[in-house]
Amino acid sequence: MSQEDAAKLEAHWSKTRTLMIIVMVIWFIFSFVVHWFAKDLNGSSFLGFPLGYYMAAQGSLAIFVILIALSNWRQNQIDKEFGFDEDE
């Protein structure tokens, strides 16, 4: 493996690792933090439901689906940037 290939792999992994950390932080917030503060969130409402209840019942699940789609889209961009995409 040439130095250029090694540098390319390192840069790809660096961006992938950063994306993974961001996704895991967002996942942690909506998996645990929002539910820990559900009672406090119930002071506000969303679509007529207390916000804490809504986030526990549906909001976090919707965020997870959006998070999966966005992280997949961003990883595909990173792969294309470094020539590792599957669309050849």
Protein backbone atom coordinates (compact mmCIF):
# COMPACT_ATOMS: atom_id res chain seq x y z
CA MET A 1 0.00 0.00 0.00
CA SER A 2 1.40 3.36 -1.01
CA GLN A 3 1.62 6.37 1.27
CA GLU A 4 -1.08 8.07 -0.80
CA ASP A 5 -3.45 5.13 -0.26
CA ALA A 6 -2.66 5.06 3.45
CA ALA A 7 -3.34 8.81 3.75
CA LYS A 8 -6.61 8.37 1.84
CA LEU A 9 -7.69 5.55 4.16
CA GLU A 10 -6.78 7.59 7.23
CA ALA A 11 -8.72 10.64 6.01
CA HIS A 12 -11.73 8.44 5.17
CA TRP A 13 -11.64 6.81 8.60
CA SER A 14 -11.29 10.20 10.30
CA LYS A 15 -14.46 11.52 8.68
CA THR A 16 -16.30 8.23 9.29
CA ARG A 17 -15.26 8.24 12.96
CA THR A 18 -16.45 11.85 13.37
CA LEU A 19 -19.81 10.97 11.82
CA MET A 20 -20.12 7.93 14.08
CA ILE A 21 -19.41 9.99 17.21
CA ILE A 22 -21.99 12.62 16.22
CA VAL A 23 -24.61 9.93 15.53
CA MET A 24 -23.91 8.21 18.87
CA VAL A 25 -24.20 11.49 20.81
CA ILE A 26 -27.55 12.29 19.16
CA TRP A 27 -28.70 8.70 19.78
CA PHE A 28 -27.71 8.97 23.47
CA ILE A 29 -29.56 12.26 23.88
CA PHE A 30 -32.81 10.90 22.44
CA SER A 31 -32.47 7.47 24.08
CA PHE A 32 -31.65 8.55 27.62
CA VAL A 33 -31.48 12.29 28.26
CA VAL A 34 -34.92 13.12 26.85
CA HIS A 35 -36.49 10.30 28.88
CA TRP A 36 -34.67 11.31 32.07
CA PHE A 37 -36.24 14.75 31.79
CA ALA A 38 -39.67 13.60 30.59
CA LYS A 39 -41.45 14.99 33.66
CA ASP A 40 -39.89 18.41 33.07
CA LEU A 41 -40.75 18.26 29.36
CA ASN A 42 -44.40 17.57 30.17
CA GLY A 43 -44.78 21.27 30.96
CA SER A 44 -44.81 21.85 27.18
CA SER A 45 -47.04 20.19 24.62
CA PHE A 46 -46.67 19.00 21.04
CA LEU A 47 -49.69 18.16 18.88
CA GLY A 48 -51.84 18.32 22.01
CA PHE A 49 -49.75 15.77 23.93
CA PRO A 50 -47.37 16.50 26.81
CA LEU A 51 -43.90 16.79 25.24
CA GLY A 52 -42.31 14.19 27.55
CA TYR A 53 -45.00 11.65 26.70
CA TYR A 54 -44.78 12.41 22.99
CA MET A 55 -40.98 12.06 22.93
CA ALA A 56 -41.17 8.76 24.81
CA ALA A 57 -43.99 7.35 22.68
CA GLN A 58 -43.18 8.59 19.16
CA GLY A 59 -40.73 11.47 19.02
CA SER A 60 -37.58 9.50 19.79
CA LEU A 61 -38.54 6.79 17.31
CA ALA A 62 -39.06 9.38 14.57
CA ILE A 63 -35.68 10.94 15.41
CA PHE A 64 -34.01 7.51 15.17
CA VAL A 65 -35.45 6.87 11.69
CA ILE A 66 -34.33 10.33 10.53
CA LEU A 67 -30.91 9.78 12.14
CA ILE A 68 -30.44 6.49 10.27
CA ALA A 69 -31.37 8.07 6.94
CA LEU A 70 -29.14 11.13 7.45
CA SER A 71 -26.14 9.15 8.67
CA ASN A 72 -26.47 6.74 5.74
CA TRP A 73 -26.70 9.66 3.29
CA ARG A 74 -23.65 11.37 4.85
CA GLN A 75 -21.61 8.14 4.88
CA ASN A 76 -22.35 7.67 1.18
CA GLN A 77 -21.05 11.20 0.56
CA ILE A 78 -17.88 10.43 2.51
CA ASP A 79 -17.40 7.18 0.58
CA LYS A 80 -17.82 8.96 -2.76
CA GLU A 81 -15.39 11.70 -1.72
CA PHE A 82 -12.64 9.13 -1.16
CA GLY A 83 -13.56 6.75 -3.98
CA PHE A 84 -14.99 3.97 -1.83
CA ASP A 85 -18.56 4.21 -3.08
CA GLU A 86 -20.37 1.17 -4.39
CA ASP A 87 -21.81 2.92 -7.47
CA GLU A 88 -19.09 2.04 -9.94
